[in-house]
PDB file of all heavy atoms in Angstrom:
ATOM      1  N   SER A   1      -5.727  10.654 -20.206  1.00  0.00           N
ATOM      2  CA  SER A   1      -5.650  10.773 -18.738  1.00  0.00           C
ATOM      3  C   SER A   1      -5.995   9.494 -18.054  1.00  0.00           C
ATOM      4  O   SER A   1      -5.273   9.038 -17.142  1.00  0.00           O
ATOM      5  CB  SER A   1      -6.607  11.924 -18.270  1.00  0.00           C
ATOM      6  OG  SER A   1      -6.521  12.052 -16.874  1.00  0.00           O
ATOM      7  N   GLU A   2      -7.094   8.887 -18.477  1.00  0.00           N
ATOM      8  CA  GLU A   2      -7.484   7.608 -17.889  1.00  0.00           C
ATOM      9  C   GLU A   2      -6.485   6.518 -18.153  1.00  0.00           C
ATOM     10  O   GLU A   2      -6.119   5.703 -17.294  1.00  0.00           O
ATOM     11  CB  GLU A   2      -8.867   7.214 -18.437  1.00  0.00           C
ATOM     12  CG  GLU A   2      -9.473   6.006 -17.739  1.00  0.00           C
ATOM     13  CD  GLU A   2     -10.854   5.649 -18.279  1.00  0.00           C
ATOM     14  OE1 GLU A   2     -11.417   6.403 -19.085  1.00  0.00           O
ATOM     15  OE2 GLU A   2     -11.364   4.596 -17.858  1.00  0.00           O
ATOM     16  N   ALA A   3      -5.947   6.537 -19.385  1.00  0.00           N
ATOM     17  CA  ALA A   3      -4.907   5.539 -19.786  1.00  0.00           C
ATOM     18  C   ALA A   3      -3.679   5.674 -18.889  1.00  0.00           C
ATOM     19  O   ALA A   3      -3.132   4.665 -18.443  1.00  0.00           O
ATOM     20  CB  ALA A   3      -4.541   5.763 -21.255  1.00  0.00           C
ATOM     21  N   GLU A   4      -3.270   6.885 -18.655  1.00  0.00           N
ATOM     22  CA  GLU A   4      -2.073   7.094 -17.849  1.00  0.00           C
ATOM     23  C   GLU A   4      -2.309   6.635 -16.399  1.00  0.00           C
ATOM     24  O   GLU A   4      -1.448   5.983 -15.780  1.00  0.00           O
ATOM     25  CB  GLU A   4      -1.679   8.550 -17.845  1.00  0.00           C
ATOM     26  CG  GLU A   4      -0.364   8.782 -17.027  1.00  0.00           C
ATOM     27  CD  GLU A   4       0.100  10.215 -17.087  1.00  0.00           C
ATOM     28  OE1 GLU A   4      -0.443  11.048 -17.794  1.00  0.00           O
ATOM     29  OE2 GLU A   4       1.076  10.485 -16.330  1.00  0.00           O
ATOM     30  N   THR A   5      -3.468   6.952 -15.882  1.00  0.00           N
ATOM     31  CA  THR A   5      -3.816   6.555 -14.510  1.00  0.00           C
ATOM     32  C   THR A   5      -3.753   5.010 -14.347  1.00  0.00           C
ATOM     33  O   THR A   5      -3.171   4.487 -13.418  1.00  0.00           O
ATOM     34  CB  THR A   5      -5.209   7.046 -14.114  1.00  0.00           C
ATOM     35  OG1 THR A   5      -5.172   8.484 -14.146  1.00  0.00           O
ATOM     36  CG2 THR A   5      -5.622   6.597 -12.742  1.00  0.00           C
ATOM     37  N   VAL A   6      -4.373   4.332 -15.296  1.00  0.00           N
ATOM     38  CA  VAL A   6      -4.421   2.827 -15.244  1.00  0.00           C
ATOM     39  C   VAL A   6      -2.996   2.259 -15.440  1.00  0.00           C
ATOM     40  O   VAL A   6      -2.594   1.369 -14.711  1.00  0.00           O
ATOM     41  CB  VAL A   6      -5.399   2.269 -16.245  1.00  0.00           C
ATOM     42  CG1 VAL A   6      -5.361   0.778 -16.332  1.00  0.00           C
ATOM     43  CG2 VAL A   6      -6.814   2.723 -15.937  1.00  0.00           C
ATOM     44  N   ALA A   7      -2.245   2.802 -16.410  1.00  0.00           N
ATOM     45  CA  ALA A   7      -0.924   2.298 -16.640  1.00  0.00           C
ATOM     46  C   ALA A   7       0.008   2.541 -15.477  1.00  0.00           C
ATOM     47  O   ALA A   7       0.798   1.656 -15.097  1.00  0.00           O
ATOM     48  CB  ALA A   7      -0.328   2.942 -17.917  1.00  0.00           C
ATOM     49  N   ARG A   8      -0.106   3.688 -14.859  1.00  0.00           N
ATOM     50  CA  ARG A   8       0.719   3.994 -13.653  1.00  0.00           C
ATOM     51  C   ARG A   8       0.332   3.073 -12.522  1.00  0.00           C
ATOM     52  O   ARG A   8       1.165   2.690 -11.709  1.00  0.00           O
ATOM     53  CB  ARG A   8       0.610   5.452 -13.275  1.00  0.00           C
ATOM     54  CG  ARG A   8       1.385   6.358 -14.198  1.00  0.00           C
ATOM     55  CD  ARG A   8       1.532   7.755 -13.636  1.00  0.00           C
ATOM     56  NE  ARG A   8       2.157   8.636 -14.589  1.00  0.00           N
ATOM     57  CZ  ARG A   8       3.482   8.704 -14.843  1.00  0.00           C
ATOM     58  NH1 ARG A   8       4.319   7.909 -14.176  1.00  0.00           N
ATOM     59  NH2 ARG A   8       3.957   9.520 -15.773  1.00  0.00           N
ATOM     60  N   SER A   9      -0.945   2.743 -12.422  1.00  0.00           N
ATOM     61  CA  SER A   9      -1.382   1.810 -11.394  1.00  0.00           C
ATOM     62  C   SER A   9      -0.737   0.422 -11.584  1.00  0.00           C
ATOM     63  O   SER A   9      -0.271  -0.199 -10.620  1.00  0.00           O
ATOM     64  CB  SER A   9      -2.911   1.701 -11.449  1.00  0.00           C
ATOM     65  OG  SER A   9      -3.366   0.691 -10.584  1.00  0.00           O
ATOM     66  N   GLY A  10      -0.663   0.021 -12.829  1.00  0.00           N
ATOM     67  CA  GLY A  10       0.006  -1.259 -13.124  1.00  0.00           C
ATOM     68  C   GLY A  10       1.494  -1.211 -12.801  1.00  0.00           C
ATOM     69  O   GLY A  10       2.046  -2.143 -12.222  1.00  0.00           O
ATOM     70  N   LEU A  11       2.128  -0.127 -13.117  1.00  0.00           N
ATOM     71  CA  LEU A  11       3.528   0.060 -12.827  1.00  0.00           C
ATOM     72  C   LEU A  11       3.753   0.073 -11.328  1.00  0.00           C
ATOM     73  O   LEU A  11       4.699  -0.548 -10.801  1.00  0.00           O
ATOM     74  CB  LEU A  11       4.089   1.355 -13.454  1.00  0.00           C
ATOM     75  CG  LEU A  11       5.532   1.700 -13.171  1.00  0.00           C
ATOM     76  CD1 LEU A  11       6.473   0.564 -13.581  1.00  0.00           C
ATOM     77  CD2 LEU A  11       5.929   3.013 -13.819  1.00  0.00           C
ATOM     78  N   GLU A  12       2.906   0.762 -10.599  1.00  0.00           N
ATOM     79  CA  GLU A  12       3.034   0.824  -9.125  1.00  0.00           C
ATOM     80  C   GLU A  12       2.953  -0.577  -8.514  1.00  0.00           C
ATOM     81  O   GLU A  12       3.769  -0.921  -7.663  1.00  0.00           O
ATOM     82  CB  GLU A  12       1.958   1.722  -8.535  1.00  0.00           C
ATOM     83  CG  GLU A  12       2.063   1.904  -7.070  1.00  0.00           C
ATOM     84  CD  GLU A  12       0.996   2.860  -6.527  1.00  0.00           C
ATOM     85  OE1 GLU A  12       0.688   3.877  -7.169  1.00  0.00           O
ATOM     86  OE2 GLU A  12       0.436   2.571  -5.427  1.00  0.00           O
ATOM     87  N   LEU A  13       2.030  -1.385  -9.012  1.00  0.00           N
ATOM     88  CA  LEU A  13       1.945  -2.774  -8.540  1.00  0.00           C
ATOM     89  C   LEU A  13       3.153  -3.527  -8.892  1.00  0.00           C
ATOM     90  O   LEU A  13       3.716  -4.298  -8.082  1.00  0.00           O
ATOM     91  CB  LEU A  13       0.709  -3.468  -9.170  1.00  0.00           C
ATOM     92  CG  LEU A  13      -0.604  -3.286  -8.483  1.00  0.00           C
ATOM     93  CD1 LEU A  13      -1.732  -3.983  -9.277  1.00  0.00           C
ATOM     94  CD2 LEU A  13      -0.591  -3.844  -7.049  1.00  0.00           C
ATOM     95  N   ALA A  14       3.661  -3.383 -10.116  1.00  0.00           N
ATOM     96  CA  ALA A  14       4.841  -4.105 -10.549  1.00  0.00           C
ATOM     97  C   ALA A  14       6.045  -3.750  -9.681  1.00  0.00           C
ATOM     98  O   ALA A  14       6.878  -4.625  -9.345  1.00  0.00           O
ATOM     99  CB  ALA A  14       5.116  -3.814 -12.017  1.00  0.00           C
ATOM    100  N   LEU A  15       6.164  -2.446  -9.397  1.00  0.00           N
ATOM    101  CA  LEU A  15       7.298  -2.014  -8.552  1.00  0.00           C
ATOM    102  C   LEU A  15       7.265  -2.571  -7.147  1.00  0.00           C
ATOM    103  O   LEU A  15       8.274  -2.648  -6.474  1.00  0.00           O
ATOM    104  CB  LEU A  15       7.358  -0.487  -8.515  1.00  0.00           C
ATOM    105  CG  LEU A  15       7.811   0.171  -9.848  1.00  0.00           C
ATOM    106  CD1 LEU A  15       7.531   1.667  -9.805  1.00  0.00           C
ATOM    107  CD2 LEU A  15       9.225  -0.155 -10.159  1.00  0.00           C
ATOM    108  N   SER A  16       6.089  -3.013  -6.711  1.00  0.00           N
ATOM    109  CA  SER A  16       5.969  -3.599  -5.378  1.00  0.00           C
ATOM    110  C   SER A  16       6.329  -5.063  -5.336  1.00  0.00           C
ATOM    111  O   SER A  16       6.272  -5.682  -4.287  1.00  0.00           O
ATOM    112  CB  SER A  16       4.532  -3.421  -4.836  1.00  0.00           C
ATOM    113  OG  SER A  16       3.619  -4.305  -5.503  1.00  0.00           O
ATOM    114  N   THR A  17       6.728  -5.604  -6.463  1.00  0.00           N
ATOM    115  CA  THR A  17       7.082  -7.012  -6.589  1.00  0.00           C
ATOM    116  C   THR A  17       8.570  -7.162  -6.926  1.00  0.00           C
ATOM    117  O   THR A  17       9.267  -6.162  -7.109  1.00  0.00           O
ATOM    118  CB  THR A  17       6.285  -7.754  -7.703  1.00  0.00           C
ATOM    119  OG1 THR A  17       6.766  -7.314  -8.962  1.00  0.00           O
ATOM    120  CG2 THR A  17       4.811  -7.449  -7.560  1.00  0.00           C
ATOM    121  N   GLU A  18       8.987  -8.393  -7.013  1.00  0.00           N
ATOM    122  CA  GLU A  18      10.352  -8.706  -7.472  1.00  0.00           C
ATOM    123  C   GLU A  18      10.317  -9.204  -8.907  1.00  0.00           C
ATOM    124  O   GLU A  18      11.313  -9.789  -9.380  1.00  0.00           O
ATOM    125  CB  GLU A  18      11.019  -9.732  -6.556  1.00  0.00           C
ATOM    126  CG  GLU A  18      11.215  -9.218  -5.163  1.00  0.00           C
ATOM    127  CD  GLU A  18      11.849 -10.214  -4.219  1.00  0.00           C
ATOM    128  OE1 GLU A  18      12.341 -11.236  -4.712  1.00  0.00           O
ATOM    129  OE2 GLU A  18      11.910  -9.899  -3.034  1.00  0.00           O
ATOM    130  N   TYR A  19       9.231  -8.998  -9.635  1.00  0.00           N
ATOM    131  CA  TYR A  19       9.076  -9.500 -10.964  1.00  0.00           C
ATOM    132  C   TYR A  19       9.637  -8.524 -12.005  1.00  0.00           C
ATOM    133  O   TYR A  19       9.011  -7.576 -12.431  1.00  0.00           O
ATOM    134  CB  TYR A  19       7.583  -9.737 -11.302  1.00  0.00           C
ATOM    135  CG  TYR A  19       6.891 -10.673 -10.329  1.00  0.00           C
ATOM    136  CD1 TYR A  19       5.623 -10.404  -9.887  1.00  0.00           C
ATOM    137  CD2 TYR A  19       7.483 -11.842  -9.877  1.00  0.00           C
ATOM    138  CE1 TYR A  19       4.947 -11.255  -8.999  1.00  0.00           C
ATOM    139  CE2 TYR A  19       6.850 -12.690  -8.987  1.00  0.00           C
ATOM    140  CZ  TYR A  19       5.560 -12.388  -8.568  1.00  0.00           C
ATOM    141  OH  TYR A  19       4.934 -13.238  -7.681  1.00  0.00           O
ATOM    142  N   ALA A  20      10.889  -8.775 -12.419  1.00  0.00           N
ATOM    143  CA  ALA A  20      11.574  -7.883 -13.304  1.00  0.00           C
ATOM    144  C   ALA A  20      10.857  -7.734 -14.659  1.00  0.00           C
ATOM    145  O   ALA A  20      10.706  -6.638 -15.174  1.00  0.00           O
ATOM    146  CB  ALA A  20      13.011  -8.366 -13.499  1.00  0.00           C
ATOM    147  N   SER A  21      10.440  -8.860 -15.211  1.00  0.00           N
ATOM    148  CA  SER A  21       9.776  -8.821 -16.508  1.00  0.00           C
ATOM    149  C   SER A  21       8.524  -7.975 -16.486  1.00  0.00           C
ATOM    150  O   SER A  21       8.254  -7.133 -17.390  1.00  0.00           O
ATOM    151  CB  SER A  21       9.489 -10.201 -17.028  1.00  0.00           C
ATOM    152  OG  SER A  21      10.651 -10.885 -17.338  1.00  0.00           O
ATOM    153  N   GLN A  22       7.672  -8.170 -15.460  1.00  0.00           N
ATOM    154  CA  GLN A  22       6.432  -7.403 -15.371  1.00  0.00           C
ATOM    155  C   GLN A  22       6.722  -5.913 -15.142  1.00  0.00           C
ATOM    156  O   GLN A  22       5.996  -5.074 -15.643  1.00  0.00           O
ATOM    157  CB  GLN A  22       5.531  -7.977 -14.280  1.00  0.00           C
ATOM    158  CG  GLN A  22       4.771  -9.194 -14.649  1.00  0.00           C
ATOM    159  CD  GLN A  22       5.656 -10.438 -14.720  1.00  0.00           C
ATOM    160  OE1 GLN A  22       6.681 -10.550 -14.041  1.00  0.00           O
ATOM    161  NE2 GLN A  22       5.247 -11.418 -15.480  1.00  0.00           N
ATOM    162  N   THR A  23       7.741  -5.650 -14.356  1.00  0.00           N
ATOM    163  CA  THR A  23       8.092  -4.243 -14.129  1.00  0.00           C
ATOM    164  C   THR A  23       8.565  -3.589 -15.404  1.00  0.00           C
ATOM    165  O   THR A  23       8.127  -2.509 -15.753  1.00  0.00           O
ATOM    166  CB  THR A  23       9.164  -4.135 -13.033  1.00  0.00           C
ATOM    167  OG1 THR A  23       8.692  -4.777 -11.848  1.00  0.00           O
ATOM    168  CG2 THR A  23       9.515  -2.683 -12.734  1.00  0.00           C
ATOM    169  N   ALA A  24       9.415  -4.258 -16.141  1.00  0.00           N
ATOM    170  CA  ALA A  24       9.892  -3.686 -17.425  1.00  0.00           C
ATOM    171  C   ALA A  24       8.683  -3.527 -18.407  1.00  0.00           C
ATOM    172  O   ALA A  24       8.595  -2.504 -19.069  1.00  0.00           O
ATOM    173  CB  ALA A  24      10.969  -4.608 -18.050  1.00  0.00           C
ATOM    174  N   GLU A  25       7.843  -4.526 -18.453  1.00  0.00           N
ATOM    175  CA  GLU A  25       6.664  -4.404 -19.325  1.00  0.00           C
ATOM    176  C   GLU A  25       5.759  -3.266 -18.941  1.00  0.00           C
ATOM    177  O   GLU A  25       5.190  -2.590 -19.802  1.00  0.00           O
ATOM    178  CB  GLU A  25       5.849  -5.734 -19.322  1.00  0.00           C
ATOM    179  CG  GLU A  25       6.556  -6.872 -20.046  1.00  0.00           C
ATOM    180  CD  GLU A  25       5.862  -8.210 -19.884  1.00  0.00           C
ATOM    181  OE1 GLU A  25       4.628  -8.210 -19.554  1.00  0.00           O
ATOM    182  OE2 GLU A  25       6.507  -9.235 -20.059  1.00  0.00           O
ATOM    183  N   ALA A  26       5.634  -3.046 -17.649  1.00  0.00           N
ATOM    184  CA  ALA A  26       4.796  -1.928 -17.158  1.00  0.00           C
ATOM    185  C   ALA A  26       5.448  -0.569 -17.548  1.00  0.00           C
ATOM    186  O   ALA A  26       4.707   0.347 -17.959  1.00  0.00           O
ATOM    187  CB  ALA A  26       4.592  -2.016 -15.653  1.00  0.00           C
ATOM    188  N   HIS A  27       6.749  -0.465 -17.479  1.00  0.00           N
ATOM    189  CA  HIS A  27       7.427   0.760 -17.928  1.00  0.00           C
ATOM    190  C   HIS A  27       7.188   0.942 -19.447  1.00  0.00           C
ATOM    191  O   HIS A  27       6.941   2.053 -19.909  1.00  0.00           O
ATOM    192  CB  HIS A  27       8.918   0.655 -17.659  1.00  0.00           C
ATOM    193  CG  HIS A  27       9.331   0.955 -16.279  1.00  0.00           C
ATOM    194  ND1 HIS A  27       9.161   2.190 -15.690  1.00  0.00           N
ATOM    195  CD2 HIS A  27       9.946   0.191 -15.324  1.00  0.00           C
ATOM    196  CE1 HIS A  27       9.608   2.171 -14.427  1.00  0.00           C
ATOM    197  NE2 HIS A  27      10.113   0.949 -14.224  1.00  0.00           N
ATOM    198  N   MET A  28       7.268  -0.148 -20.213  1.00  0.00           N
ATOM    199  CA  MET A  28       7.051  -0.048 -21.623  1.00  0.00           C
ATOM    200  C   MET A  28       5.616   0.344 -21.965  1.00  0.00           C
ATOM    201  O   MET A  28       5.370   1.157 -22.863  1.00  0.00           O
ATOM    202  CB  MET A  28       7.431  -1.379 -22.315  1.00  0.00           C
ATOM    203  CG  MET A  28       8.929  -1.635 -22.243  1.00  0.00           C
ATOM    204  SD  MET A  28       9.388  -3.201 -22.998  1.00  0.00           S
ATOM    205  CE  MET A  28       8.863  -2.937 -24.684  1.00  0.00           C
ATOM    206  N   ALA A  29       4.668  -0.208 -21.244  1.00  0.00           N
ATOM    207  CA  ALA A  29       3.261   0.170 -21.472  1.00  0.00           C
ATOM    208  C   ALA A  29       3.023   1.643 -21.152  1.00  0.00           C
ATOM    209  O   ALA A  29       2.365   2.353 -21.933  1.00  0.00           O
ATOM    210  CB  ALA A  29       2.359  -0.735 -20.620  1.00  0.00           C
ATOM    211  N   LEU A  30       3.593   2.105 -20.049  1.00  0.00           N
ATOM    212  CA  LEU A  30       3.454   3.516 -19.729  1.00  0.00           C
ATOM    213  C   LEU A  30       4.129   4.365 -20.773  1.00  0.00           C
ATOM    214  O   LEU A  30       3.593   5.421 -21.168  1.00  0.00           O
ATOM    215  CB  LEU A  30       4.019   3.806 -18.318  1.00  0.00           C
ATOM    216  CG  LEU A  30       3.937   5.286 -17.861  1.00  0.00           C
ATOM    217  CD1 LEU A  30       2.488   5.769 -17.930  1.00  0.00           C
ATOM    218  CD2 LEU A  30       4.526   5.416 -16.478  1.00  0.00           C
TER     219      LEU A  30
END
């Protein structure tokens, strides 16, 4: 549960940027 919360937080931040690599990495981490 904690892992998902933190990973989704990272994905949410990534989605707020134009950084494609970080966004893809955040999807992969989730």
